[in-house]
Amino acid sequence: YKSKLLIFPKKSGKKGVKKGDTPKSELQNVAQNTLKEIIPVERPALRVKARAITGEEKEASAYKTLKKERTKMKYEGARMKKAAEGK
């Protein structure tokens, strides 16, 4: 990758050239990419169709679920240590 990489100077003239830039002699016949997108990125669907909220979704609390997971992660090391000592 780096062997093929050609770095164009930001400014013209001697003051604009910095260490690591490709010399002018090598940049004469190089095609420069002027497109906005170099690597195309897949765009997701614009909209998800509306639907009715299920009873299960109404019962579930996102806050409680996240809080429980955070607590579990916080005390996981202590729980593992206690289990290792118990064996």
Protein backbone atom coordinates (compact mmCIF):
# COMPACT_ATOMS: atom_id res chain seq x y z
CA TYR A 1 0.00 0.00 0.00
CA LYS A 2 2.61 2.52 1.08
CA SER A 3 4.91 1.66 -1.84
CA LYS A 4 2.16 2.78 -4.27
CA LEU A 5 1.06 5.80 -2.19
CA LEU A 6 1.87 9.19 -3.70
CA ILE A 7 1.48 12.23 -1.45
CA PHE A 8 0.73 15.51 -3.21
CA PRO A 9 2.09 18.68 -1.57
CA LYS A 10 -0.60 20.85 0.05
CA LYS A 11 0.72 24.12 -1.40
CA SER A 12 2.62 24.94 -4.57
CA GLY A 13 6.19 26.24 -4.46
CA LYS A 14 9.20 25.26 -2.39
CA LYS A 15 7.69 26.29 0.95
CA GLY A 16 4.66 24.02 0.49
CA VAL A 17 6.71 20.85 0.07
CA LYS A 18 7.21 18.91 3.29
CA LYS A 19 9.18 15.82 4.29
CA GLY A 20 7.45 12.69 3.00
CA ASP A 21 5.84 14.33 -0.04
CA THR A 22 6.44 12.67 -3.42
CA PRO A 23 8.90 14.55 -5.65
CA LYS A 24 7.47 16.62 -8.55
CA SER A 25 9.20 14.44 -11.13
CA GLU A 26 7.12 11.42 -10.06
CA LEU A 27 3.84 13.38 -9.92
CA GLN A 28 3.86 14.52 -13.56
CA ASN A 29 1.67 11.77 -15.09
CA VAL A 30 -0.27 10.61 -12.06
CA ALA A 31 -4.07 10.51 -12.14
CA GLN A 32 -5.51 12.12 -9.03
CA ASN A 33 -8.83 10.93 -7.62
CA THR A 34 -11.20 13.91 -7.41
CA LEU A 35 -14.35 11.95 -6.59
CA LYS A 36 -16.04 12.60 -3.25
CA GLU A 37 -16.30 8.91 -2.43
CA ILE A 38 -13.19 6.81 -2.71
CA ILE A 39 -14.76 3.71 -1.19
CA PRO A 40 -18.53 3.41 -1.74
CA VAL A 41 -20.45 2.98 1.51
CA GLU A 42 -23.74 1.10 1.49
CA ARG A 43 -26.57 3.27 2.67
CA PRO A 44 -29.20 1.69 4.91
CA ALA A 45 -32.89 1.74 4.06
CA LEU A 46 -34.24 5.22 4.57
CA ARG A 47 -37.23 4.31 6.67
CA VAL A 48 -38.59 1.43 8.71
CA LYS A 49 -42.34 0.98 8.43
CA ALA A 50 -44.33 1.84 11.54
CA ARG A 51 -45.83 -1.02 13.52
CA ALA A 52 -47.80 -1.55 16.71
CA ILE A 53 -45.89 -1.91 19.98
CA THR A 54 -46.25 -5.40 21.41
CA GLY A 55 -47.18 -6.14 25.01
CA GLU A 56 -43.73 -7.60 25.63
CA GLU A 57 -42.11 -4.36 24.47
CA LYS A 58 -44.39 -2.33 26.74
CA GLU A 59 -43.45 -4.48 29.75
CA ALA A 60 -39.68 -4.30 29.15
CA SER A 61 -37.74 -1.37 30.59
CA ALA A 62 -34.64 -0.32 28.67
CA TYR A 63 -33.26 1.47 31.72
CA LYS A 64 -33.56 -1.57 33.96
CA THR A 65 -32.01 -3.85 31.34
CA LEU A 66 -28.99 -1.57 30.84
CA LYS A 67 -28.58 -0.99 34.58
CA LYS A 68 -28.60 -4.73 35.24
CA GLU A 69 -25.95 -5.35 32.55
CA ARG A 70 -23.72 -2.54 33.87
CA THR A 71 -23.94 -3.97 37.39
CA LYS A 72 -23.17 -7.45 36.13
CA MET A 73 -20.08 -6.19 34.28
CA LYS A 74 -18.90 -4.18 37.32
CA TYR A 75 -18.93 -7.15 39.69
CA GLU A 76 -17.88 -9.83 37.18
CA GLY A 77 -14.22 -9.85 38.32
CA ALA A 78 -15.15 -10.21 41.97
CA ARG A 79 -17.62 -12.98 41.11
CA MET A 80 -14.96 -14.87 39.12
CA LYS A 81 -12.42 -14.47 41.94
CA LYS A 82 -14.91 -15.78 44.50
CA ALA A 83 -15.74 -18.76 42.27
CA ALA A 84 -12.02 -19.57 41.81
CA GLU A 85 -11.41 -19.49 45.59
CA GLY A 86 -14.40 -21.73 46.22
CA LYS A 87 -13.03 -24.57 44.07
